[in-house]
Full PDB file with SEQRES, HELIX, SHEET, SSBOND, CRYST1, ORIGX, SCALE, CONECT and MASTER records, all heavy atoms in Angstrom:
SEQRES   1 A   39  ALA GLU GLN ALA ALA ARG PRO GLY ALA VAL GLU ALA THR          
SEQRES   2 A   39  ALA MET GLU LYS GLU ASN ARG GLN LEU ARG ALA ARG VAL          
SEQRES   3 A   39  LYS GLU LEU GLU LEU GLU ARG GLU ILE LEU ARG ARG ALA          
HELIX    1 AA1 GLU A    2  ALA A    5  1                                   4    
HELIX    2 AA2 ALA A    9  ARG A   38  1                                  30    
CRYST1    1.000    1.000    1.000  90.00  90.00  90.00 P 1           1          
ORIGX1      1.000000  0.000000  0.000000        0.00000                         
ORIGX2      0.000000  1.000000  0.000000        0.00000                         
ORIGX3      0.000000  0.000000  1.000000        0.00000                         
SCALE1      1.000000  0.000000  0.000000        0.00000                         
SCALE2      0.000000  1.000000  0.000000        0.00000                         
SCALE3      0.000000  0.000000  1.000000        0.00000                         
ATOM      1  N   ALA A   1    -115.872  58.909 106.787  1.00  0.00           N  
ATOM      2  CA  ALA A   1    -116.631  59.118 105.491  1.00  0.00           C  
ATOM      3  C   ALA A   1    -116.615  60.620 105.104  1.00  0.00           C  
ATOM      4  O   ALA A   1    -116.449  60.881 103.895  1.00  0.00           O  
ATOM      5  CB  ALA A   1    -118.044  58.546 105.639  1.00  0.00           C  
ATOM      6  N   GLU A   2    -116.761  61.426 106.008  1.00  0.00           N  
ATOM      7  CA  GLU A   2    -116.706  62.919 105.686  1.00  0.00           C  
ATOM      8  C   GLU A   2    -115.398  63.320 105.228  1.00  0.00           C  
ATOM      9  O   GLU A   2    -115.263  64.176 104.326  1.00  0.00           O  
ATOM     10  CB  GLU A   2    -117.260  63.682 106.848  1.00  0.00           C  
ATOM     11  CG  GLU A   2    -118.776  63.547 107.134  1.00  0.00           C  
ATOM     12  CD  GLU A   2    -119.238  64.210 108.433  1.00  0.00           C  
ATOM     13  OE1 GLU A   2    -118.382  64.659 109.189  1.00  0.00           O  
ATOM     14  OE2 GLU A   2    -120.444  64.227 108.569  1.00  0.00           O  
ATOM     15  N   GLN A   3    -114.370  62.799 105.864  1.00  0.00           N  
ATOM     16  CA  GLN A   3    -112.994  63.203 105.461  1.00  0.00           C  
ATOM     17  C   GLN A   3    -112.662  62.607 104.082  1.00  0.00           C  
ATOM     18  O   GLN A   3    -112.012  63.344 103.289  1.00  0.00           O  
ATOM     19  CB  GLN A   3    -111.955  62.661 106.517  1.00  0.00           C  
ATOM     20  CG  GLN A   3    -111.976  63.422 107.798  1.00  0.00           C  
ATOM     21  CD  GLN A   3    -110.915  62.846 108.786  1.00  0.00           C  
ATOM     22  OE1 GLN A   3    -110.373  61.807 108.551  1.00  0.00           O  
ATOM     23  NE2 GLN A   3    -110.706  63.573 109.849  1.00  0.00           N  
ATOM     24  N   ALA A   4    -113.123  61.462 103.851  1.00  0.00           N  
ATOM     25  CA  ALA A   4    -112.854  60.760 102.524  1.00  0.00           C  
ATOM     26  C   ALA A   4    -113.645  61.552 101.451  1.00  0.00           C  
ATOM     27  O   ALA A   4    -113.228  61.515 100.196  1.00  0.00           O  
ATOM     28  CB  ALA A   4    -113.264  59.317 102.549  1.00  0.00           C  
ATOM     29  N   ALA A   5    -114.776  62.149 101.666  1.00  0.00           N  
ATOM     30  CA  ALA A   5    -115.529  62.811 100.742  1.00  0.00           C  
ATOM     31  C   ALA A   5    -114.995  64.195 100.390  1.00  0.00           C  
ATOM     32  O   ALA A   5    -115.281  64.783  99.311  1.00  0.00           O  
ATOM     33  CB  ALA A   5    -117.025  63.076 101.274  1.00  0.00           C  
ATOM     34  N   ARG A   6    -114.124  64.730 101.172  1.00  0.00           N  
ATOM     35  CA  ARG A   6    -113.485  66.096 100.869  1.00  0.00           C  
ATOM     36  C   ARG A   6    -112.633  65.926  99.667  1.00  0.00           C  
ATOM     37  O   ARG A   6    -111.856  64.927  99.474  1.00  0.00           O  
ATOM     38  CB  ARG A   6    -112.696  66.544 102.080  1.00  0.00           C  
ATOM     39  CG  ARG A   6    -113.575  67.106 103.120  1.00  0.00           C  
ATOM     40  CD  ARG A   6    -112.643  67.763 104.240  1.00  0.00           C  
ATOM     41  NE  ARG A   6    -111.810  66.695 104.800  1.00  0.00           N  
ATOM     42  CZ  ARG A   6    -110.775  66.814 105.542  1.00  0.00           C  
ATOM     43  NH1 ARG A   6    -110.351  68.068 105.778  1.00  0.00           N  
ATOM     44  NH2 ARG A   6    -110.141  65.819 106.043  1.00  0.00           N  
ATOM     45  N   PRO A   7    -112.507  66.951  98.838  1.00  0.00           N  
ATOM     46  CA  PRO A   7    -111.566  66.959  97.702  1.00  0.00           C  
ATOM     47  C   PRO A   7    -110.116  67.049  98.219  1.00  0.00           C  
ATOM     48  O   PRO A   7    -109.854  67.696  99.162  1.00  0.00           O  
ATOM     49  CB  PRO A   7    -111.896  68.216  96.911  1.00  0.00           C  
ATOM     50  CG  PRO A   7    -112.964  68.923  97.645  1.00  0.00           C  
ATOM     51  CD  PRO A   7    -113.328  68.163  98.901  1.00  0.00           C  
ATOM     52  N   GLY A   8    -109.294  66.250  97.611  1.00  0.00           N  
ATOM     53  CA  GLY A   8    -107.911  66.158  98.056  1.00  0.00           C  
ATOM     54  C   GLY A   8    -107.659  65.341  99.306  1.00  0.00           C  
ATOM     55  O   GLY A   8    -106.637  65.303  99.813  1.00  0.00           O  
ATOM     56  N   ALA A   9    -108.681  64.546  99.682  1.00  0.00           N  
ATOM     57  CA  ALA A   9    -108.532  63.773 100.900  1.00  0.00           C  
ATOM     58  C   ALA A   9    -107.587  62.589 100.692  1.00  0.00           C  
ATOM     59  O   ALA A   9    -106.793  62.221 101.593  1.00  0.00           O  
ATOM     60  CB  ALA A   9    -109.915  63.140 101.338  1.00  0.00           C  
ATOM     61  N   VAL A  10    -107.539  62.075  99.522  1.00  0.00           N  
ATOM     62  CA  VAL A  10    -106.579  60.930  99.252  1.00  0.00           C  
ATOM     63  C   VAL A  10    -105.154  61.402  99.320  1.00  0.00           C  
ATOM     64  O   VAL A  10    -104.300  60.698  99.946  1.00  0.00           O  
ATOM     65  CB  VAL A  10    -106.948  60.339  97.871  1.00  0.00           C  
ATOM     66  CG1 VAL A  10    -105.908  59.260  97.471  1.00  0.00           C  
ATOM     67  CG2 VAL A  10    -108.335  59.750  97.794  1.00  0.00           C  
ATOM     68  N   GLU A  11    -104.895  62.530  98.779  1.00  0.00           N  
ATOM     69  CA  GLU A  11    -103.547  63.054  98.842  1.00  0.00           C  
ATOM     70  C   GLU A  11    -103.134  63.416 100.263  1.00  0.00           C  
ATOM     71  O   GLU A  11    -102.038  63.196 100.727  1.00  0.00           O  
ATOM     72  CB  GLU A  11    -103.348  64.343  97.969  1.00  0.00           C  
ATOM     73  CG  GLU A  11    -103.511  64.068  96.443  1.00  0.00           C  
ATOM     74  CD  GLU A  11    -104.928  64.109  96.037  1.00  0.00           C  
ATOM     75  OE1 GLU A  11    -105.866  64.714  96.750  1.00  0.00           O  
ATOM     76  OE2 GLU A  11    -105.324  63.647  94.939  1.00  0.00           O  
ATOM     77  N   ALA A  12    -104.133  63.962 101.023  1.00  0.00           N  
ATOM     78  CA  ALA A  12    -103.819  64.338 102.383  1.00  0.00           C  
ATOM     79  C   ALA A  12    -103.652  63.072 103.291  1.00  0.00           C  
ATOM     80  O   ALA A  12    -102.620  63.062 104.063  1.00  0.00           O  
ATOM     81  CB  ALA A  12    -105.026  65.123 102.998  1.00  0.00           C  
ATOM     82  N   THR A  13    -104.383  62.041 103.081  1.00  0.00           N  
ATOM     83  CA  THR A  13    -104.110  60.847 103.851  1.00  0.00           C  
ATOM     84  C   THR A  13    -102.847  60.120 103.493  1.00  0.00           C  
ATOM     85  O   THR A  13    -102.182  59.624 104.318  1.00  0.00           O  
ATOM     86  CB  THR A  13    -105.311  59.841 103.693  1.00  0.00           C  
ATOM     87  OG1 THR A  13    -105.476  59.477 102.303  1.00  0.00           O  
ATOM     88  CG2 THR A  13    -106.601  60.327 104.229  1.00  0.00           C  
ATOM     89  N   ALA A  14    -102.457  60.223 102.181  1.00  0.00           N  
ATOM     90  CA  ALA A  14    -101.147  59.666 101.743  1.00  0.00           C  
ATOM     91  C   ALA A  14    -100.074  60.495 102.354  1.00  0.00           C  
ATOM     92  O   ALA A  14     -99.086  59.958 102.847  1.00  0.00           O  
ATOM     93  CB  ALA A  14    -101.132  59.692 100.229  1.00  0.00           C  
ATOM     94  N   MET A  15    -100.217  61.768 102.389  1.00  0.00           N  
ATOM     95  CA  MET A  15     -99.183  62.608 103.003  1.00  0.00           C  
ATOM     96  C   MET A  15     -99.068  62.399 104.543  1.00  0.00           C  
ATOM     97  O   MET A  15     -98.041  62.326 105.084  1.00  0.00           O  
ATOM     98  CB  MET A  15     -99.445  64.080 102.750  1.00  0.00           C  
ATOM     99  CG  MET A  15     -98.343  65.068 103.151  1.00  0.00           C  
ATOM    100  SD  MET A  15     -98.656  66.798 102.729  1.00  0.00           S  
ATOM    101  CE  MET A  15     -98.789  66.653 100.949  1.00  0.00           C  
ATOM    102  N   GLU A  16    -100.195  62.230 105.171  1.00  0.00           N  
ATOM    103  CA  GLU A  16    -100.238  61.948 106.610  1.00  0.00           C  
ATOM    104  C   GLU A  16     -99.587  60.568 106.897  1.00  0.00           C  
ATOM    105  O   GLU A  16     -98.879  60.512 107.836  1.00  0.00           O  
ATOM    106  CB  GLU A  16    -101.697  61.960 107.171  1.00  0.00           C  
ATOM    107  CG  GLU A  16    -102.377  63.301 107.174  1.00  0.00           C  
ATOM    108  CD  GLU A  16    -103.797  63.265 107.452  1.00  0.00           C  
ATOM    109  OE1 GLU A  16    -104.398  62.136 107.634  1.00  0.00           O  
ATOM    110  OE2 GLU A  16    -104.413  64.320 107.550  1.00  0.00           O  
ATOM    111  N   LYS A  17     -99.836  59.592 106.038  1.00  0.00           N  
ATOM    112  CA  LYS A  17     -99.198  58.283 106.170  1.00  0.00           C  
ATOM    113  C   LYS A  17     -97.691  58.452 106.074  1.00  0.00           C  
ATOM    114  O   LYS A  17     -96.915  57.823 106.812  1.00  0.00           O  
ATOM    115  CB  LYS A  17     -99.783  57.375 105.182  1.00  0.00           C  
ATOM    116  CG  LYS A  17     -99.179  55.965 105.225  1.00  0.00           C  
ATOM    117  CD  LYS A  17     -99.809  55.042 104.180  1.00  0.00           C  
ATOM    118  CE  LYS A  17     -99.158  53.595 104.316  1.00  0.00           C  
ATOM    119  NZ  LYS A  17     -99.664  52.798 103.236  1.00  0.00           N  
ATOM    120  N   GLU A  18     -97.252  59.170 105.015  1.00  0.00           N  
ATOM    121  CA  GLU A  18     -95.803  59.439 104.843  1.00  0.00           C  
ATOM    122  C   GLU A  18     -95.203  60.150 106.029  1.00  0.00           C  
ATOM    123  O   GLU A  18     -94.079  59.788 106.529  1.00  0.00           O  
ATOM    124  CB  GLU A  18     -95.562  60.200 103.513  1.00  0.00           C  
ATOM    125  CG  GLU A  18     -94.073  60.378 103.267  1.00  0.00           C  
ATOM    126  CD  GLU A  18     -93.837  61.094 101.942  1.00  0.00           C  
ATOM    127  OE1 GLU A  18     -94.835  61.683 101.400  1.00  0.00           O  
ATOM    128  OE2 GLU A  18     -92.631  61.225 101.549  1.00  0.00           O  
ATOM    129  N   ASN A  19     -95.935  61.162 106.554  1.00  0.00           N  
ATOM    130  CA  ASN A  19     -95.443  61.880 107.713  1.00  0.00           C  
ATOM    131  C   ASN A  19     -95.323  60.984 108.885  1.00  0.00           C  
ATOM    132  O   ASN A  19     -94.309  61.069 109.663  1.00  0.00           O  
ATOM    133  CB  ASN A  19     -96.378  63.030 108.007  1.00  0.00           C  
ATOM    134  CG  ASN A  19     -96.156  64.206 107.118  1.00  0.00           C  
ATOM    135  OD1 ASN A  19     -95.147  64.291 106.435  1.00  0.00           O  
ATOM    136  ND2 ASN A  19     -97.119  65.111 107.132  1.00  0.00           N  
ATOM    137  N   ARG A  20     -96.257  60.051 109.146  1.00  0.00           N  
ATOM    138  CA  ARG A  20     -96.131  59.133 110.275  1.00  0.00           C  
ATOM    139  C   ARG A  20     -94.919  58.212 110.076  1.00  0.00           C  
ATOM    140  O   ARG A  20     -94.145  57.980 111.012  1.00  0.00           O  
ATOM    141  CB  ARG A  20     -97.392  58.327 110.365  1.00  0.00           C  
ATOM    142  CG  ARG A  20     -98.561  58.911 111.133  1.00  0.00           C  
ATOM    143  CD  ARG A  20     -99.593  57.922 111.411  1.00  0.00           C  
ATOM    144  NE  ARG A  20    -100.082  57.146 110.276  1.00  0.00           N  
ATOM    145  CZ  ARG A  20    -101.127  57.507 109.497  1.00  0.00           C  
ATOM    146  NH1 ARG A  20    -101.738  58.654 109.688  1.00  0.00           N  
ATOM    147  NH2 ARG A  20    -101.485  56.761 108.444  1.00  0.00           N  
ATOM    148  N   GLN A  21     -94.729  57.766 108.833  1.00  0.00           N  
ATOM    149  CA  GLN A  21     -93.549  56.910 108.596  1.00  0.00           C  
ATOM    150  C   GLN A  21     -92.298  57.704 108.864  1.00  0.00           C  
ATOM    151  O   GLN A  21     -91.291  57.138 109.404  1.00  0.00           O  
ATOM    152  CB  GLN A  21     -93.614  56.326 107.165  1.00  0.00           C  
ATOM    153  CG  GLN A  21     -94.684  55.280 106.919  1.00  0.00           C  
ATOM    154  CD  GLN A  21     -94.792  54.970 105.477  1.00  0.00           C  
ATOM    155  OE1 GLN A  21     -94.346  55.708 104.616  1.00  0.00           O  
ATOM    156  NE2 GLN A  21     -95.503  53.854 105.230  1.00  0.00           N  
ATOM    157  N   LEU A  22     -92.209  58.909 108.351  1.00  0.00           N  
ATOM    158  CA  LEU A  22     -90.968  59.638 108.541  1.00  0.00           C  
ATOM    159  C   LEU A  22     -90.725  59.987 109.937  1.00  0.00           C  
ATOM    160  O   LEU A  22     -89.596  59.971 110.411  1.00  0.00           O  
ATOM    161  CB  LEU A  22     -91.086  60.901 107.641  1.00  0.00           C  
ATOM    162  CG  LEU A  22     -91.082  60.732 106.162  1.00  0.00           C  
ATOM    163  CD1 LEU A  22     -91.306  62.061 105.437  1.00  0.00           C  
ATOM    164  CD2 LEU A  22     -89.699  60.170 105.761  1.00  0.00           C  
ATOM    165  N   ARG A  23     -91.824  60.322 110.716  1.00  0.00           N  
ATOM    166  CA  ARG A  23     -91.621  60.574 112.188  1.00  0.00           C  
ATOM    167  C   ARG A  23     -91.115  59.422 112.887  1.00  0.00           C  
ATOM    168  O   ARG A  23     -90.254  59.439 113.785  1.00  0.00           O  
ATOM    169  CB  ARG A  23     -92.922  61.051 112.781  1.00  0.00           C  
ATOM    170  CG  ARG A  23     -93.269  62.459 112.471  1.00  0.00           C  
ATOM    171  CD  ARG A  23     -94.453  62.965 113.254  1.00  0.00           C  
ATOM    172  NE  ARG A  23     -94.705  64.318 112.909  1.00  0.00           N  
ATOM    173  CZ  ARG A  23     -95.756  64.750 112.198  1.00  0.00           C  
ATOM    174  NH1 ARG A  23     -96.607  63.849 111.610  1.00  0.00           N  
ATOM    175  NH2 ARG A  23     -95.957  65.998 111.896  1.00  0.00           N  
ATOM    176  N   ALA A  24     -91.630  58.163 112.528  1.00  0.00           N  
ATOM    177  CA  ALA A  24     -91.150  56.919 113.157  1.00  0.00           C  
ATOM    178  C   ALA A  24     -89.655  56.713 112.849  1.00  0.00           C  
ATOM    179  O   ALA A  24     -88.909  56.278 113.726  1.00  0.00           O  
ATOM    180  CB  ALA A  24     -91.980  55.782 112.699  1.00  0.00           C  
ATOM    181  N   ARG A  25     -89.304  57.024 111.530  1.00  0.00           N  
ATOM    182  CA  ARG A  25     -87.912  56.888 111.173  1.00  0.00           C  
ATOM    183  C   ARG A  25     -86.975  57.831 111.866  1.00  0.00           C  
ATOM    184  O   ARG A  25     -85.931  57.475 112.346  1.00  0.00           O  
ATOM    185  CB  ARG A  25     -87.801  57.076 109.667  1.00  0.00           C  
ATOM    186  CG  ARG A  25     -86.415  56.903 109.110  1.00  0.00           C  
ATOM    187  CD  ARG A  25     -85.934  55.436 109.175  1.00  0.00           C  
ATOM    188  NE  ARG A  25     -84.596  55.396 108.553  1.00  0.00           N  
ATOM    189  CZ  ARG A  25     -83.621  54.661 109.054  1.00  0.00           C  
ATOM    190  NH1 ARG A  25     -83.875  53.796 110.043  1.00  0.00           N  
ATOM    191  NH2 ARG A  25     -82.429  54.630 108.463  1.00  0.00           N  
ATOM    192  N   VAL A  26     -87.479  59.068 112.088  1.00  0.00           N  
ATOM    193  CA  VAL A  26     -86.609  60.052 112.869  1.00  0.00           C  
ATOM    194  C   VAL A  26     -86.546  59.643 114.258  1.00  0.00           C  
ATOM    195  O   VAL A  26     -85.391  59.679 114.832  1.00  0.00           O  
ATOM    196  CB  VAL A  26     -87.353  61.446 112.761  1.00  0.00           C  
ATOM    197  CG1 VAL A  26     -86.786  62.376 113.800  1.00  0.00           C  
ATOM    198  CG2 VAL A  26     -87.235  62.003 111.358  1.00  0.00           C  
ATOM    199  N   LYS A  27     -87.505  59.089 114.872  1.00  0.00           N  
ATOM    200  CA  LYS A  27     -87.449  58.552 116.256  1.00  0.00           C  
ATOM    201  C   LYS A  27     -86.454  57.408 116.291  1.00  0.00           C  
ATOM    202  O   LYS A  27     -85.585  57.388 117.300  1.00  0.00           O  
ATOM    203  CB  LYS A  27     -88.860  58.112 116.631  1.00  0.00           C  
ATOM    204  CG  LYS A  27     -89.063  57.998 118.093  1.00  0.00           C  
ATOM    205  CD  LYS A  27     -90.533  57.706 118.387  1.00  0.00           C  
ATOM    206  CE  LYS A  27     -90.880  58.051 119.760  1.00  0.00           C  
ATOM    207  NZ  LYS A  27     -92.300  57.770 120.055  1.00  0.00           N  
ATOM    208  N   GLU A  28     -86.467  56.547 115.410  1.00  0.00           N  
ATOM    209  CA  GLU A  28     -85.567  55.394 115.359  1.00  0.00           C  
ATOM    210  C   GLU A  28     -84.136  55.934 115.182  1.00  0.00           C  
ATOM    211  O   GLU A  28     -83.247  55.484 115.915  1.00  0.00           O  
ATOM    212  CB  GLU A  28     -85.887  54.532 114.174  1.00  0.00           C  
ATOM    213  CG  GLU A  28     -85.003  53.322 114.038  1.00  0.00           C  
ATOM    214  CD  GLU A  28     -85.288  52.527 112.787  1.00  0.00           C  
ATOM    215  OE1 GLU A  28     -86.299  52.795 112.108  1.00  0.00           O  
ATOM    216  OE2 GLU A  28     -84.587  51.520 112.559  1.00  0.00           O  
ATOM    217  N   LEU A  29     -83.835  56.866 114.332  1.00  0.00           N  
ATOM    218  CA  LEU A  29     -82.498  57.412 114.125  1.00  0.00           C  
ATOM    219  C   LEU A  29     -82.011  58.187 115.368  1.00  0.00           C  
ATOM    220  O   LEU A  29     -80.873  58.079 115.678  1.00  0.00           O  
ATOM    221  CB  LEU A  29     -82.494  58.310 112.882  1.00  0.00           C  
ATOM    222  CG  LEU A  29     -82.635  57.617 111.547  1.00  0.00           C  
ATOM    223  CD1 LEU A  29     -82.797  58.575 110.362  1.00  0.00           C  
ATOM    224  CD2 LEU A  29     -81.440  56.594 111.303  1.00  0.00           C  
ATOM    225  N   GLU A  30     -82.925  58.868 116.017  1.00  0.00           N  
ATOM    226  CA  GLU A  30     -82.511  59.579 117.286  1.00  0.00           C  
ATOM    227  C   GLU A  30     -82.150  58.669 118.310  1.00  0.00           C  
ATOM    228  O   GLU A  30     -81.172  58.843 119.035  1.00  0.00           O  
ATOM    229  CB  GLU A  30     -83.702  60.500 117.677  1.00  0.00           C  
ATOM    230  CG  GLU A  30     -83.837  61.716 116.893  1.00  0.00           C  
ATOM    231  CD  GLU A  30     -85.071  62.588 117.254  1.00  0.00           C  
ATOM    232  OE1 GLU A  30     -85.982  62.036 117.999  1.00  0.00           O  
ATOM    233  OE2 GLU A  30     -85.132  63.728 116.868  1.00  0.00           O  
ATOM    234  N   LEU A  31     -82.850  57.530 118.399  1.00  0.00           N  
ATOM    235  CA  LEU A  31     -82.469  56.472 119.364  1.00  0.00           C  
ATOM    236  C   LEU A  31     -81.173  55.878 119.080  1.00  0.00           C  
ATOM    237  O   LEU A  31     -80.338  55.677 120.037  1.00  0.00           O  
ATOM    238  CB  LEU A  31     -83.591  55.378 119.425  1.00  0.00           C  
ATOM    239  CG  LEU A  31     -83.288  54.221 120.361  1.00  0.00           C  
ATOM    240  CD1 LEU A  31     -83.267  54.690 121.851  1.00  0.00           C  
ATOM    241  CD2 LEU A  31     -84.399  53.182 120.264  1.00  0.00           C  
ATOM    242  N   GLU A  32     -80.968  55.563 117.846  1.00  0.00           N  
ATOM    243  CA  GLU A  32     -79.593  55.015 117.439  1.00  0.00           C  
ATOM    244  C   GLU A  32     -78.511  55.996 117.751  1.00  0.00           C  
ATOM    245  O   GLU A  32     -77.446  55.574 118.210  1.00  0.00           O  
ATOM    246  CB  GLU A  32     -79.605  54.726 115.924  1.00  0.00           C  
ATOM    247  CG  GLU A  32     -80.448  53.442 115.584  1.00  0.00           C  
ATOM    248  CD  GLU A  32     -80.553  53.278 114.111  1.00  0.00           C  
ATOM    249  OE1 GLU A  32     -79.907  53.913 113.311  1.00  0.00           O  
ATOM    250  OE2 GLU A  32     -81.269  52.333 113.682  1.00  0.00           O  
ATOM    251  N   ARG A  33     -78.725  57.294 117.433  1.00  0.00           N  
ATOM    252  CA  ARG A  33     -77.730  58.303 117.726  1.00  0.00           C  
ATOM    253  C   ARG A  33     -77.413  58.356 119.255  1.00  0.00           C  
ATOM    254  O   ARG A  33     -76.222  58.524 119.640  1.00  0.00           O  
ATOM    255  CB  ARG A  33     -78.156  59.652 117.207  1.00  0.00           C  
ATOM    256  CG  ARG A  33     -77.063  60.770 117.418  1.00  0.00           C  
ATOM    257  CD  ARG A  33     -77.581  62.110 117.013  1.00  0.00           C  
ATOM    258  NE  ARG A  33     -78.595  62.464 117.947  1.00  0.00           N  
ATOM    259  CZ  ARG A  33     -79.400  63.443 117.736  1.00  0.00           C  
ATOM    260  NH1 ARG A  33     -79.466  64.140 116.685  1.00  0.00           N  
ATOM    261  NH2 ARG A  33     -80.369  63.768 118.661  1.00  0.00           N  
ATOM    262  N   GLU A  34     -78.470  58.298 120.066  1.00  0.00           N  
ATOM    263  CA  GLU A  34     -78.193  58.385 121.484  1.00  0.00           C  
ATOM    264  C   GLU A  34     -77.398  57.118 121.964  1.00  0.00           C  
ATOM    265  O   GLU A  34     -76.533  57.238 122.803  1.00  0.00           O  
ATOM    266  CB  GLU A  34     -79.605  58.426 122.231  1.00  0.00           C  
ATOM    267  CG  GLU A  34     -79.473  58.479 123.720  1.00  0.00           C  
ATOM    268  CD  GLU A  34     -78.859  59.719 124.241  1.00  0.00           C  
ATOM    269  OE1 GLU A  34     -78.760  60.725 123.527  1.00  0.00           O  
ATOM    270  OE2 GLU A  34     -78.331  59.698 125.387  1.00  0.00           O  
ATOM    271  N   ILE A  35     -77.722  55.907 121.423  1.00  0.00           N  
ATOM    272  CA  ILE A  35     -76.939  54.728 121.780  1.00  0.00           C  
ATOM    273  C   ILE A  35     -75.553  54.944 121.358  1.00  0.00           C  
ATOM    274  O   ILE A  35     -74.610  54.633 122.157  1.00  0.00           O  
ATOM    275  CB  ILE A  35     -77.632  53.496 121.125  1.00  0.00           C  
ATOM    276  CG1 ILE A  35     -78.963  53.221 121.782  1.00  0.00           C  
ATOM    277  CG2 ILE A  35     -76.698  52.302 121.247  1.00  0.00           C  
ATOM    278  CD1 ILE A  35     -79.783  52.197 121.024  1.00  0.00           C  
ATOM    279  N   LEU A  36     -75.251  55.370 120.197  1.00  0.00           N  
ATOM    280  CA  LEU A  36     -73.867  55.625 119.729  1.00  0.00           C  
ATOM    281  C   LEU A  36     -73.196  56.611 120.612  1.00  0.00           C  
ATOM    282  O   LEU A  36     -71.999  56.462 120.843  1.00  0.00           O  
ATOM    283  CB  LEU A  36     -73.842  55.938 118.248  1.00  0.00           C  
ATOM    284  CG  LEU A  36     -74.266  54.825 117.301  1.00  0.00           C  
ATOM    285  CD1 LEU A  36     -74.352  55.364 115.904  1.00  0.00           C  
ATOM    286  CD2 LEU A  36     -73.224  53.680 117.360  1.00  0.00           C  
ATOM    287  N   ARG A  37     -73.815  57.686 120.894  1.00  0.00           N  
ATOM    288  CA  ARG A  37     -73.296  58.735 121.830  1.00  0.00           C  
ATOM    289  C   ARG A  37     -72.843  58.199 123.131  1.00  0.00           C  
ATOM    290  O   ARG A  37     -71.796  58.443 123.627  1.00  0.00           O  
ATOM    291  CB  ARG A  37     -74.274  59.944 121.938  1.00  0.00           C  
ATOM    292  CG  ARG A  37     -73.652  61.148 122.652  1.00  0.00           C  
ATOM    293  CD  ARG A  37     -74.731  62.182 122.888  1.00  0.00           C  
ATOM    294  NE  ARG A  37     -75.657  61.750 123.911  1.00  0.00           N  
ATOM    295  CZ  ARG A  37     -75.486  61.734 125.185  1.00  0.00           C  
ATOM    296  NH1 ARG A  37     -74.309  62.016 125.746  1.00  0.00           N  
ATOM    297  NH2 ARG A  37     -76.393  61.348 126.047  1.00  0.00           N  
ATOM    298  N   ARG A  38     -73.774  57.401 123.677  1.00  0.00           N  
ATOM    299  CA  ARG A  38     -73.373  56.799 125.069  1.00  0.00           C  
ATOM    300  C   ARG A  38     -72.262  55.823 124.942  1.00  0.00           C  
ATOM    301  O   ARG A  38     -71.375  55.728 125.818  1.00  0.00           O  
ATOM    302  CB  ARG A  38     -74.631  56.136 125.600  1.00  0.00           C  
ATOM    303  CG  ARG A  38     -75.670  57.125 126.077  1.00  0.00           C  
ATOM    304  CD  ARG A  38     -76.823  56.405 126.698  1.00  0.00           C  
ATOM    305  NE  ARG A  38     -77.800  57.458 127.181  1.00  0.00           N  
ATOM    306  CZ  ARG A  38     -78.882  57.055 127.911  1.00  0.00           C  
ATOM    307  NH1 ARG A  38     -79.096  55.793 128.225  1.00  0.00           N  
ATOM    308  NH2 ARG A  38     -79.744  58.001 128.307  1.00  0.00           N  
ATOM    309  N   ALA A  39     -72.289  55.052 123.837  1.00  0.00           N  
ATOM    310  CA  ALA A  39     -71.230  54.071 123.648  1.00  0.00           C  
ATOM    311  C   ALA A  39     -69.858  54.779 123.429  1.00  0.00           C  
ATOM    312  O   ALA A  39     -68.827  54.406 124.055  1.00  0.00           O  
ATOM    313  CB  ALA A  39     -71.407  53.194 122.389  1.00  0.00           C  
TER     314      ALA A  39                                                      
MASTER        0    0    0    2    0    0    0    6  313    1    0    3          
END                                                                             
């Protein structure tokens, strides 16, 4: 509740969500690259 009350909290949480998604995508791509390298 305190975080949501801060100004700009909505943008920050949206950015954090996007960062989490991007980090997950990077992790997935790194795994794919490793599989292809080994193959």
